[in-house]
Amino acid sequence: MRLTKFFITTLATLSLSLLGSFALPTISNDFGTVAQADDTGQLVTLNMPFNGQSIFSFPRYPYTSNQTTIKDIIDKYEERSQTPKGSVLLEIKLSSYIANNLWTANQAGTFIVNFAQPTDVLPADAAKELSNFADILKPDHLMIDESAFEKMINEPIIHESKLDDFTITSPIPTELASQTIKITYQTNDGTALPADTFKDIEATTDDQSKSFSKSITGADQQVYTDTDHMLIPNVPGYTANKSSVTFDKSKVDASGVQPVTVTYVKNSSTPVTPDPTPTPSTPATFQVYGKQKFYSYQHVDFKKSERVKKYAKKPSVYAPVFTVVKTTQSNAGNPRYQLSDGTYITAKSAYVGKLFLRKNVKTLYVTNPRGTWTHGTVMFNYPTQLLHHLKQGTKVTVTHLIKNGPVTRYTLPDGTFITGNKRYVTPTKPKKVIHVKARDGRNLYSDVNLTHRLKHYRKGHIFTVKSWDYSHGHNLSVSGTKRYKIAGGYITGNPKLVKIVK
């Protein structure tokens, strides 16, 4: 049985007692040749107990600063183990989803396989590993506290000594999933739902597939938006009236369960599933992304004392995305968006913009560092309809724009489809950079945040650029800076420090 290095290396010293007879190979705590000649300083090990059990343990690597973060350590680990960036945090998040029945283990396993290298892993193996993690949470009805977890991994870790090796132990924060929602799926015209689709999400039926039901758990006021259609699947010819569910104690019935109905409304024309799907009885929701630094607020009239969260100015590929449920204005007449979580942001076009392109164009360029995929249908049934992966910088000829509400797709000449999401594509041709020259001495780093130096190059050295990325990508409170990926790591993209050459 062959597992991809993506999945094995992120588990490091996995507790084998959880796996029964299915044993993963372990990785040396010294992690091969981690201590290279040009590395200095002591070694640090990170342990992340999961609900009291030591599941994630990251091998030692050189620690050259008196301050770092857990995110830095994980990024370094993924870089050295050639594991896709973000995979460790994704596993933790998906384990929580499985434990609370938002996703099935098979859904999460298939998703994480495609997140890595689709041809390298057997989905059943990935599903089994994620299910093992999820089982740790289920008995105590827990879930990952995502806001606390995000804060934990980004808080600086201060270590005064520069001589002794040391270990950081940071438990993954959880919260009580004390509320149950029972979702009933049905069509508006009484047509039977596709049985296989709803059995795949582990929903049940007792009436010839006319309706299905599924129970999920969570915390009061938790909002789950089904971007990947894992909880509210696509049904050909129909559009669901919901794209998210909100846990609300005030709506719990006498049995202690909150009932929620998802109704699939028959399309009047060729179906294109919007994301998120509009609700027929209310104004359609849509998504916007942030262009500048701004805050979200508790109320429509912005007051500094009522700020909820700060959002930094980010490049479009990492820009914060918001689901808008209502367009309104302040008492002074300033435009506002009410978001799905009940907070408010500005609606001024200088600060936010619609997430999807809406222009008829002939050419698109892939801008996301992870690239994007072409799909076999406009439904974007993930991951079964993934066809071809397009790398960052790829030029794509498109023939038609397809609109459905706020969501757009573009048709390619071969009849396949690509997203119109601005976080992945743009009609504006990016400046092509093949080589850059160091204006003075330059360092090569193993990570995109340029925190772990690998090598120094003299003034005038010419680097061959493979792609570009940005620092602090998913940290929405910190602005990102352009970096160039070259052989072996990353260098700055600051034009004051490197010059683009032919």
Protein backbone atom coordinates (compact mmCIF):
# COMPACT_ATOMS: atom_id res chain seq x y z
CA MET A 1 0.00 0.00 0.00
CA ARG A 2 1.58 3.30 -1.09
CA LEU A 3 0.69 6.54 0.67
CA THR A 4 1.79 9.90 -0.62
CA LYS A 5 4.60 11.64 1.26
CA PHE A 6 2.07 14.46 1.72
CA PHE A 7 -0.03 12.46 4.12
CA ILE A 8 2.69 10.48 5.86
CA THR A 9 5.00 13.36 6.63
CA THR A 10 2.33 15.52 8.20
CA LEU A 11 1.61 12.82 10.76
CA ALA A 12 5.21 12.52 11.98
CA THR A 13 4.99 10.49 15.20
CA LEU A 14 1.33 9.47 14.99
CA SER A 15 0.04 7.44 17.94
CA LEU A 16 -0.26 3.98 16.41
CA SER A 17 -2.66 2.79 19.09
CA LEU A 18 -5.34 4.79 17.28
CA LEU A 19 -4.77 2.94 14.05
CA GLY A 20 -5.00 -0.67 15.15
CA SER A 21 -3.18 -2.88 12.66
CA PHE A 22 -2.80 -0.06 10.13
CA ALA A 23 0.65 1.33 10.92
CA LEU A 24 2.29 4.31 9.30
CA PRO A 25 6.07 4.55 9.05
CA THR A 26 7.60 6.92 11.60
CA ILE A 27 10.03 9.72 10.87
CA SER A 28 13.30 10.23 12.71
CA ASN A 29 13.16 13.04 15.24
CA ASP A 30 16.40 14.34 13.79
CA PHE A 31 14.66 14.62 10.42
CA GLY A 32 17.50 13.60 8.15
CA THR A 33 20.01 16.31 7.38
CA VAL A 34 17.98 19.09 8.97
CA ALA A 35 21.02 20.71 10.63
CA GLN A 36 22.83 21.99 7.57
CA ALA A 37 26.26 23.56 7.73
CA ASP A 38 24.96 27.10 7.35
CA ASP A 39 22.29 26.68 10.04
CA THR A 40 23.01 27.99 13.53
CA GLY A 41 21.27 28.01 16.86
CA GLN A 42 19.49 25.42 18.94
CA LEU A 43 16.82 22.96 17.78
CA VAL A 44 13.11 23.26 18.52
CA THR A 45 10.44 20.55 18.61
CA LEU A 46 6.70 21.28 18.45
CA ASN A 47 4.05 19.04 20.03
CA MET A 48 0.36 19.71 19.46
CA PRO A 49 -1.86 17.51 21.68
CA PHE A 50 -5.31 16.94 20.22
CA ASN A 51 -8.01 16.57 22.91
CA GLY A 52 -5.36 15.45 25.39
CA GLN A 53 -3.62 13.00 23.07
CA SER A 54 -0.24 13.68 21.45
CA ILE A 55 -1.09 13.35 17.78
CA PHE A 56 0.98 15.95 15.96
CA SER A 57 4.68 16.08 16.76
CA PHE A 58 6.94 18.03 14.44
CA PRO A 59 10.61 16.97 14.25
CA ARG A 60 13.38 19.26 15.42
CA TYR A 61 14.75 21.94 13.16
CA PRO A 62 17.23 24.81 13.68
CA TYR A 63 15.79 27.73 15.59
CA THR A 64 17.77 30.84 14.78
CA SER A 65 15.68 33.61 16.34
CA ASN A 66 14.53 34.48 19.84
CA GLN A 67 10.98 34.81 18.55
CA THR A 68 8.83 32.69 16.23
CA THR A 69 5.27 31.35 15.94
CA ILE A 70 3.71 27.91 15.73
CA LYS A 71 2.69 28.77 12.16
CA ASP A 72 6.36 29.41 11.33
CA ILE A 73 7.34 26.01 12.70
CA ILE A 74 4.60 24.23 10.73
CA ASP A 75 5.53 26.12 7.54
CA LYS A 76 9.17 25.12 8.04
CA TYR A 77 8.16 21.51 8.63
CA GLU A 78 6.06 21.41 5.47
CA GLU A 79 8.85 23.01 3.47
CA ARG A 80 11.49 20.51 4.62
CA SER A 81 9.23 17.49 4.21
CA GLN A 82 8.04 18.67 0.77
CA THR A 83 4.48 18.60 2.07
CA PRO A 84 1.96 20.94 0.39
CA LYS A 85 1.75 24.23 2.22
CA GLY A 86 -1.25 24.41 4.54
CA SER A 87 -1.79 20.64 4.64
CA VAL A 88 -1.29 20.24 8.40
CA LEU A 89 -3.84 22.90 9.30
CA LEU A 90 -6.22 21.49 6.71
CA GLU A 91 -6.05 18.03 8.33
CA ILE A 92 -6.91 19.50 11.72
CA LYS A 93 -9.85 21.44 10.30
CA LEU A 94 -11.22 18.49 8.33
CA SER A 95 -10.96 16.23 11.38
CA SER A 96 -13.26 18.64 13.23
CA TYR A 97 -15.70 18.65 10.29
CA ILE A 98 -15.83 14.85 10.26
CA ALA A 99 -16.33 14.64 14.02
CA ASN A 100 -19.39 16.87 13.76
CA ASN A 101 -20.80 15.25 10.59
CA LEU A 102 -20.39 18.36 8.45
CA TRP A 103 -18.31 16.21 6.09
CA THR A 104 -17.93 12.48 5.82
CA ALA A 105 -14.52 10.86 6.18
CA ASN A 106 -14.62 9.84 2.52
CA GLN A 107 -15.40 13.39 1.43
CA ALA A 108 -12.54 14.80 3.49
CA GLY A 109 -10.17 12.05 2.31
CA THR A 110 -10.96 12.69 -1.34
CA PHE A 111 -10.65 16.44 -0.84
CA ILE A 112 -7.26 16.23 0.85
CA VAL A 113 -6.00 13.82 -1.80
CA ASN A 114 -6.78 16.35 -4.52
CA PHE A 115 -5.33 19.10 -2.36
CA ALA A 116 -2.02 17.23 -2.61
CA GLN A 117 -1.27 15.08 -5.66
CA PRO A 118 -4.38 13.21 -6.88
CA THR A 119 -2.43 10.36 -8.46
CA ASP A 120 -0.28 9.58 -5.42
CA VAL A 121 -2.77 8.58 -2.74
CA LEU A 122 -5.51 6.03 -2.27
CA PRO A 123 -8.51 8.07 -1.04
CA ALA A 124 -9.54 5.33 1.37
CA ASP A 125 -6.23 5.65 3.22
CA ALA A 126 -6.58 9.41 3.61
CA ALA A 127 -10.18 8.97 4.77
CA LYS A 128 -9.12 6.41 7.36
CA GLU A 129 -6.43 8.67 8.84
CA LEU A 130 -8.77 11.67 9.08
CA SER A 131 -11.47 9.49 10.60
CA ASN A 132 -9.03 8.36 13.30
CA PHE A 133 -8.40 11.98 14.26
CA ALA A 134 -12.12 12.76 14.22
CA ASP A 135 -12.85 9.84 16.55
CA ILE A 136 -10.78 11.55 19.25
CA LEU A 137 -13.23 14.46 19.25
CA LYS A 138 -16.51 12.57 18.92
CA PRO A 139 -16.81 10.93 22.37
CA ASP A 140 -16.64 14.29 24.14
CA HIS A 141 -18.76 16.15 21.55
CA LEU A 142 -15.96 18.59 20.81
CA MET A 143 -14.98 20.69 17.85
CA ILE A 144 -11.97 22.80 16.96
CA ASP A 145 -12.23 26.34 18.28
CA GLU A 146 -11.10 27.89 14.99
CA SER A 147 -10.75 31.48 16.21
CA ALA A 148 -8.72 30.42 19.26
CA PHE A 149 -6.64 28.09 17.08
CA GLU A 150 -5.87 30.87 14.59
CA LYS A 151 -4.79 33.13 17.45
CA MET A 152 -2.66 30.39 19.01
CA ILE A 153 -0.65 29.58 15.90
CA ASN A 154 0.08 33.24 15.14
CA GLU A 155 1.07 34.45 18.61
CA PRO A 156 4.83 35.02 19.04
CA ILE A 157 6.76 32.44 21.05
CA ILE A 158 9.53 34.01 23.09
CA HIS A 159 12.53 31.86 23.96
CA GLU A 160 15.31 33.64 25.80
CA SER A 161 18.04 31.02 25.77
CA LYS A 162 20.11 30.71 22.61
CA LEU A 163 22.00 27.63 23.76
CA ASP A 164 19.65 24.83 24.76
CA ASP A 165 17.33 22.82 22.54
CA PHE A 166 13.73 23.14 23.66
CA THR A 167 10.21 21.84 23.09
CA ILE A 168 7.01 23.82 22.58
CA THR A 169 3.76 22.10 23.64
CA SER A 170 0.58 23.84 22.46
CA PRO A 171 -2.71 21.94 22.81
CA ILE A 172 -5.13 22.39 19.91
CA PRO A 173 -8.05 24.40 21.40
CA THR A 174 -11.51 22.84 21.30
CA GLU A 175 -15.00 23.94 22.25
CA LEU A 176 -18.15 22.05 23.14
CA ALA A 177 -20.35 21.06 20.20
CA SER A 178 -23.49 21.06 22.32
CA GLN A 179 -26.13 21.70 19.69
CA THR A 180 -27.65 19.40 17.06
CA ILE A 181 -29.21 20.41 13.76
CA LYS A 182 -31.35 17.96 11.81
CA ILE A 183 -31.28 18.88 8.13
CA THR A 184 -34.14 17.73 5.90
CA TYR A 185 -33.39 17.77 2.16
CA GLN A 186 -36.32 17.96 -0.28
CA THR A 187 -37.34 19.33 -3.69
CA ASN A 188 -39.98 22.01 -4.20
CA ASP A 189 -41.89 19.90 -6.73
CA GLY A 190 -41.85 16.55 -4.90
CA THR A 191 -39.33 14.94 -7.28
CA ALA A 192 -37.16 12.21 -5.78
CA LEU A 193 -33.63 13.28 -4.92
CA PRO A 194 -30.67 11.31 -6.37
CA ALA A 195 -30.23 8.56 -3.78
CA ASP A 196 -26.52 7.96 -4.36
CA THR A 197 -25.69 11.66 -3.90
CA PHE A 198 -27.31 11.81 -0.48
CA LYS A 199 -26.06 8.43 0.65
CA ASP A 200 -22.57 9.73 -0.13
CA ILE A 201 -23.05 12.42 2.52
CA GLU A 202 -24.45 9.75 4.90
CA ALA A 203 -27.99 11.12 4.87
CA THR A 204 -30.87 8.68 5.41
CA THR A 205 -34.36 8.30 3.89
CA ASP A 206 -37.45 6.19 4.46
CA ASP A 207 -39.77 7.51 1.76
CA GLN A 208 -38.48 6.39 -1.67
CA SER A 209 -35.86 9.16 -1.81
CA LYS A 210 -38.47 11.96 -1.76
CA SER A 211 -36.55 13.46 1.17
CA PHE A 212 -33.36 12.77 3.11
CA SER A 213 -32.16 13.83 6.54
CA LYS A 214 -28.84 14.23 8.31
CA SER A 215 -27.84 15.37 11.82
CA ILE A 216 -24.84 17.62 12.46
CA THR A 217 -23.44 19.13 15.66
CA GLY A 218 -21.88 22.48 16.50
CA ALA A 219 -21.84 25.44 18.87
CA ASP A 220 -24.44 28.17 19.26
CA GLN A 221 -24.04 30.93 16.62
CA GLN A 222 -21.52 28.87 14.66
CA VAL A 223 -21.96 29.46 10.91
CA TYR A 224 -20.85 26.81 8.44
CA THR A 225 -20.78 27.93 4.79
CA ASP A 226 -20.77 25.00 2.39
CA THR A 227 -18.36 26.38 -0.21
CA ASP A 228 -17.35 22.91 -1.40
CA HIS A 229 -20.90 21.45 -1.45
CA MET A 230 -20.04 18.70 1.03
CA LEU A 231 -23.06 19.21 3.28
CA ILE A 232 -25.51 20.63 0.74
CA PRO A 233 -24.60 18.75 -2.45
CA ASN A 234 -25.39 19.83 -5.99
CA VAL A 235 -28.48 18.29 -7.59
CA PRO A 236 -28.63 18.54 -11.43
CA GLY A 237 -31.54 20.69 -12.58
CA TYR A 238 -32.13 22.21 -9.13
CA THR A 239 -30.71 25.00 -6.96
CA ALA A 240 -30.60 24.69 -3.16
CA ASN A 241 -32.15 27.57 -1.25
CA LYS A 242 -29.30 27.58 1.27
CA SER A 243 -25.52 27.56 1.08
CA SER A 244 -24.88 27.73 4.83
CA VAL A 245 -26.32 26.65 8.17
CA THR A 246 -26.28 28.61 11.44
CA PHE A 247 -26.57 26.95 14.84
CA ASP A 248 -29.13 28.89 16.88
CA LYS A 249 -30.25 27.80 20.36
CA SER A 250 -33.39 29.92 20.11
CA LYS A 251 -34.66 27.69 17.30
CA VAL A 252 -34.28 24.33 19.11
CA ASP A 253 -37.56 22.37 19.28
CA ALA A 254 -39.02 20.34 22.16
CA SER A 255 -36.81 17.36 21.34
CA GLY A 256 -33.68 19.47 21.80
CA VAL A 257 -32.88 19.58 18.09
CA GLN A 258 -32.86 22.55 15.70
CA PRO A 259 -34.75 21.66 12.50
CA VAL A 260 -33.43 23.05 9.20
CA THR A 261 -34.92 22.38 5.76
CA VAL A 262 -32.91 22.62 2.56
CA THR A 263 -35.22 22.90 -0.44
CA TYR A 264 -33.98 22.27 -3.98
CA VAL A 265 -35.87 24.58 -6.34
CA LYS A 266 -36.23 23.41 -9.94
CA ASN A 267 -34.27 25.58 -12.36
CA SER A 268 -36.15 27.25 -15.18
CA SER A 269 -33.18 26.96 -17.58
CA THR A 270 -29.82 25.24 -17.92
CA PRO A 271 -28.56 24.79 -14.35
CA VAL A 272 -25.47 26.49 -13.06
CA THR A 273 -25.04 26.03 -9.33
CA PRO A 274 -24.22 29.36 -7.71
CA ASP A 275 -21.90 29.56 -4.75
CA PRO A 276 -23.32 30.60 -2.41
CA THR A 277 -26.84 29.73 -3.55
CA PRO A 278 -29.53 32.43 -3.38
CA THR A 279 -32.57 32.07 -1.15
CA PRO A 280 -35.81 32.57 -3.16
CA SER A 281 -37.68 34.28 -0.31
CA THR A 282 -34.90 36.80 0.47
CA PRO A 283 -32.47 38.90 -1.58
CA ALA A 284 -29.72 36.74 -3.10
CA THR A 285 -26.48 36.49 -1.19
CA PHE A 286 -23.20 37.20 -2.92
CA GLN A 287 -19.53 37.34 -2.07
CA VAL A 288 -17.10 40.25 -1.98
CA TYR A 289 -13.38 40.45 -1.31
CA GLY A 290 -11.32 43.06 0.51
CA LYS A 291 -9.12 45.50 -1.43
CA GLN A 292 -7.87 47.76 1.36
CA LYS A 293 -7.37 47.73 5.11
CA PHE A 294 -10.70 48.05 6.95
CA TYR A 295 -12.67 46.72 9.92
CA SER A 296 -15.93 44.87 10.47
CA TYR A 297 -18.33 46.36 13.00
CA GLN A 298 -21.15 45.25 15.28
CA HIS A 299 -23.59 47.83 13.92
CA VAL A 300 -24.30 49.67 10.69
CA ASP A 301 -23.11 53.00 12.14
CA PHE A 302 -19.39 52.40 12.53
CA LYS A 303 -17.90 53.21 15.94
CA LYS A 304 -14.33 52.51 16.95
CA SER A 305 -15.54 50.92 20.20
CA GLU A 306 -17.69 48.47 18.20
CA ARG A 307 -15.02 47.11 15.89
CA VAL A 308 -15.12 43.32 15.55
CA LYS A 309 -12.09 42.48 13.41
CA LYS A 310 -9.34 44.17 11.44
CA TYR A 311 -8.60 43.10 7.86
CA ALA A 312 -5.27 44.08 6.33
CA LYS A 313 -4.75 45.02 2.70
CA LYS A 314 -3.92 41.77 0.90
CA PRO A 315 -3.15 40.71 -2.68
CA SER A 316 -6.30 39.39 -4.37
CA VAL A 317 -5.20 35.73 -4.13
CA TYR A 318 -5.26 35.97 -0.32
CA ALA A 319 -7.86 38.69 0.12
CA PRO A 320 -10.53 38.16 2.80
CA VAL A 321 -13.85 36.96 1.35
CA PHE A 322 -17.24 37.82 2.83
CA THR A 323 -20.75 36.55 2.20
CA VAL A 324 -23.14 39.49 1.95
CA VAL A 325 -26.76 38.92 2.97
CA LYS A 326 -28.00 42.48 2.77
CA THR A 327 -27.04 45.81 1.20
CA THR A 328 -27.94 48.72 3.46
CA GLN A 329 -26.67 52.12 4.59
CA SER A 330 -25.78 53.97 7.78
CA ASN A 331 -27.87 56.74 9.25
CA ALA A 332 -25.51 59.17 7.50
CA GLY A 333 -26.17 57.48 4.15
CA ASN A 334 -22.88 55.56 3.81
CA PRO A 335 -23.20 52.24 1.94
CA ARG A 336 -22.84 49.11 4.07
CA TYR A 337 -22.89 45.34 3.62
CA GLN A 338 -24.42 43.13 6.27
CA LEU A 339 -22.51 39.84 6.42
CA SER A 340 -23.68 36.29 7.08
CA ASP A 341 -22.28 36.46 10.63
CA GLY A 342 -24.36 39.57 11.42
CA THR A 343 -21.49 42.08 11.31
CA TYR A 344 -21.17 45.04 8.92
CA ILE A 345 -18.45 46.26 6.54
CA THR A 346 -18.21 49.18 4.15
CA ALA A 347 -19.70 48.73 0.68
CA LYS A 348 -17.50 51.38 -0.95
CA SER A 349 -15.91 50.06 -4.13
CA ALA A 350 -12.50 51.38 -3.10
CA TYR A 351 -12.50 48.91 -0.21
CA VAL A 352 -14.39 45.85 -1.44
CA GLY A 353 -15.33 44.34 -4.80
CA LYS A 354 -17.45 41.52 -6.18
CA LEU A 355 -15.56 38.22 -5.93
CA PHE A 356 -16.42 36.99 -9.44
CA LEU A 357 -15.51 38.53 -12.78
CA ARG A 358 -18.54 39.61 -14.83
CA LYS A 359 -16.92 40.79 -18.07
CA ASN A 360 -16.85 39.07 -21.44
CA VAL A 361 -13.14 38.55 -22.03
CA LYS A 362 -11.10 36.48 -24.46
CA THR A 363 -8.19 35.61 -22.19
CA LEU A 364 -7.65 34.80 -18.52
CA TYR A 365 -4.42 34.36 -16.59
CA VAL A 366 -4.02 32.09 -13.56
CA THR A 367 -2.67 34.09 -10.60
CA ASN A 368 -3.14 31.82 -7.58
CA PRO A 369 0.13 30.28 -6.29
CA ARG A 370 -1.61 26.88 -6.16
CA GLY A 371 -2.99 27.29 -9.68
CA THR A 372 -6.54 26.24 -10.53
CA TRP A 373 -8.43 23.45 -12.33
CA THR A 374 -10.58 23.07 -15.38
CA HIS A 375 -13.89 21.25 -14.87
CA GLY A 376 -16.02 18.96 -17.00
CA THR A 377 -19.31 20.74 -16.23
CA VAL A 378 -20.45 24.13 -15.01
CA MET A 379 -21.61 22.37 -11.84
CA PHE A 380 -18.01 22.15 -10.56
CA ASN A 381 -18.76 18.89 -8.75
CA TYR A 382 -15.63 18.76 -6.61
CA PRO A 383 -13.52 16.67 -6.87
CA THR A 384 -15.01 14.26 -9.42
CA GLN A 385 -15.11 16.84 -12.22
CA LEU A 386 -11.52 18.07 -11.88
CA LEU A 387 -9.87 17.69 -15.28
CA HIS A 388 -6.64 19.61 -15.83
CA HIS A 389 -4.51 21.53 -13.35
CA LEU A 390 -3.35 24.95 -14.59
CA LYS A 391 -0.22 26.37 -13.00
CA GLN A 392 0.21 29.96 -11.90
CA GLY A 393 0.94 32.19 -14.90
CA THR A 394 -0.93 29.98 -17.38
CA LYS A 395 -2.69 31.87 -20.19
CA VAL A 396 -6.18 30.54 -20.93
CA THR A 397 -8.32 31.35 -23.97
CA VAL A 398 -12.03 31.53 -23.11
CA THR A 399 -15.04 31.69 -25.42
CA HIS A 400 -18.13 32.38 -23.30
CA LEU A 401 -19.11 33.91 -19.97
CA ILE A 402 -21.73 32.00 -18.00
CA LYS A 403 -23.61 33.85 -15.24
CA ASN A 404 -25.94 32.61 -12.56
CA GLY A 405 -26.58 35.16 -9.88
CA PRO A 406 -23.24 36.32 -8.45
CA VAL A 407 -21.22 33.33 -9.70
CA THR A 408 -19.50 33.17 -13.07
CA ARG A 409 -17.73 30.50 -15.10
CA TYR A 410 -15.91 30.76 -18.41
CA THR A 411 -16.08 28.18 -21.22
CA LEU A 412 -12.83 27.09 -22.86
CA PRO A 413 -12.55 26.16 -26.56
CA ASP A 414 -12.52 22.43 -25.71
CA GLY A 415 -15.88 22.70 -23.91
CA THR A 416 -14.45 22.59 -20.38
CA PHE A 417 -14.96 25.30 -17.76
CA ILE A 418 -12.87 27.52 -15.50
CA THR A 419 -13.84 29.67 -12.53
CA GLY A 420 -14.34 33.43 -12.75
CA ASN A 421 -13.18 33.84 -9.13
CA LYS A 422 -10.74 36.76 -8.87
CA ARG A 423 -8.69 34.91 -6.26
CA TYR A 424 -7.65 32.49 -9.00
CA VAL A 425 -7.78 34.29 -12.35
CA THR A 426 -7.53 37.75 -13.87
CA PRO A 427 -8.05 39.17 -17.38
CA THR A 428 -5.00 41.41 -16.85
CA LYS A 429 -1.74 39.90 -18.03
CA PRO A 430 0.74 39.63 -15.13
CA LYS A 431 4.26 40.88 -15.72
CA LYS A 432 6.33 37.87 -16.72
CA VAL A 433 9.42 37.49 -14.57
CA ILE A 434 12.00 34.87 -15.52
CA HIS A 435 15.18 36.25 -13.97
CA VAL A 436 15.94 38.79 -11.24
CA LYS A 437 19.29 40.26 -10.27
CA ALA A 438 20.33 41.03 -6.69
CA ARG A 439 20.97 44.77 -6.28
CA ASP A 440 23.08 43.92 -3.22
CA GLY A 441 23.74 40.80 -1.17
CA ARG A 442 20.63 38.60 -0.98
CA ASN A 443 19.57 35.71 1.24
CA LEU A 444 17.70 32.55 0.22
CA TYR A 445 15.04 31.38 2.67
CA SER A 446 13.17 28.11 3.06
CA ASP A 447 9.82 29.80 3.73
CA VAL A 448 7.75 32.49 2.06
CA ASN A 449 7.85 34.68 5.19
CA LEU A 450 11.67 34.82 4.90
CA THR A 451 12.27 33.80 8.50
CA HIS A 452 14.61 30.80 8.05
CA ARG A 453 17.73 31.63 6.09
CA LEU A 454 19.40 28.92 4.01
CA LYS A 455 22.10 30.67 2.00
CA HIS A 456 23.60 34.04 1.13
CA TYR A 457 24.29 35.27 -2.43
CA ARG A 458 26.55 38.13 -3.43
CA LYS A 459 25.51 41.34 -5.12
CA GLY A 460 24.77 40.83 -8.82
CA HIS A 461 23.70 37.19 -8.52
CA ILE A 462 20.96 36.29 -11.03
CA PHE A 463 18.10 34.11 -9.84
CA THR A 464 15.76 32.08 -12.07
CA VAL A 465 12.16 32.65 -10.94
CA LYS A 466 9.72 29.72 -10.93
CA SER A 467 6.64 31.47 -9.56
CA TRP A 468 5.55 34.14 -7.11
CA ASP A 469 3.74 34.16 -3.79
CA TYR A 470 3.13 36.49 -0.85
CA SER A 471 4.14 36.44 2.80
CA HIS A 472 1.56 35.88 5.55
CA GLY A 473 -0.85 34.52 2.95
CA HIS A 474 -3.78 33.36 5.09
CA ASN A 475 -3.18 35.72 8.01
CA LEU A 476 -5.88 38.31 7.32
CA SER A 477 -4.56 40.78 9.88
CA VAL A 478 -1.11 41.14 8.25
CA SER A 479 -0.43 42.58 4.79
CA GLY A 480 1.45 40.36 2.37
CA THR A 481 4.71 41.13 0.55
CA LYS A 482 5.64 39.67 -2.83
CA ARG A 483 8.18 36.86 -2.89
CA TYR A 484 9.79 34.95 -5.73
CA LYS A 485 10.05 31.19 -5.56
CA ILE A 486 13.34 29.90 -6.95
CA ALA A 487 15.14 26.58 -6.79
CA GLY A 488 15.51 25.66 -3.12
CA GLY A 489 13.37 28.36 -1.54
CA TYR A 490 12.23 31.99 -1.64
CA ILE A 491 13.77 35.43 -2.08
CA THR A 492 12.31 38.91 -1.75
CA GLY A 493 10.26 40.40 -4.58
CA ASN A 494 10.94 43.97 -3.47
CA PRO A 495 11.99 45.93 -6.62
CA LYS A 496 14.34 48.01 -4.46
CA LEU A 497 16.28 44.85 -3.64
CA VAL A 498 16.05 42.79 -6.85
CA LYS A 499 15.93 43.95 -10.44
CA ILE A 500 13.94 42.16 -13.15
CA VAL A 501 16.23 41.16 -16.03
CA LYS A 502 15.63 39.39 -19.32
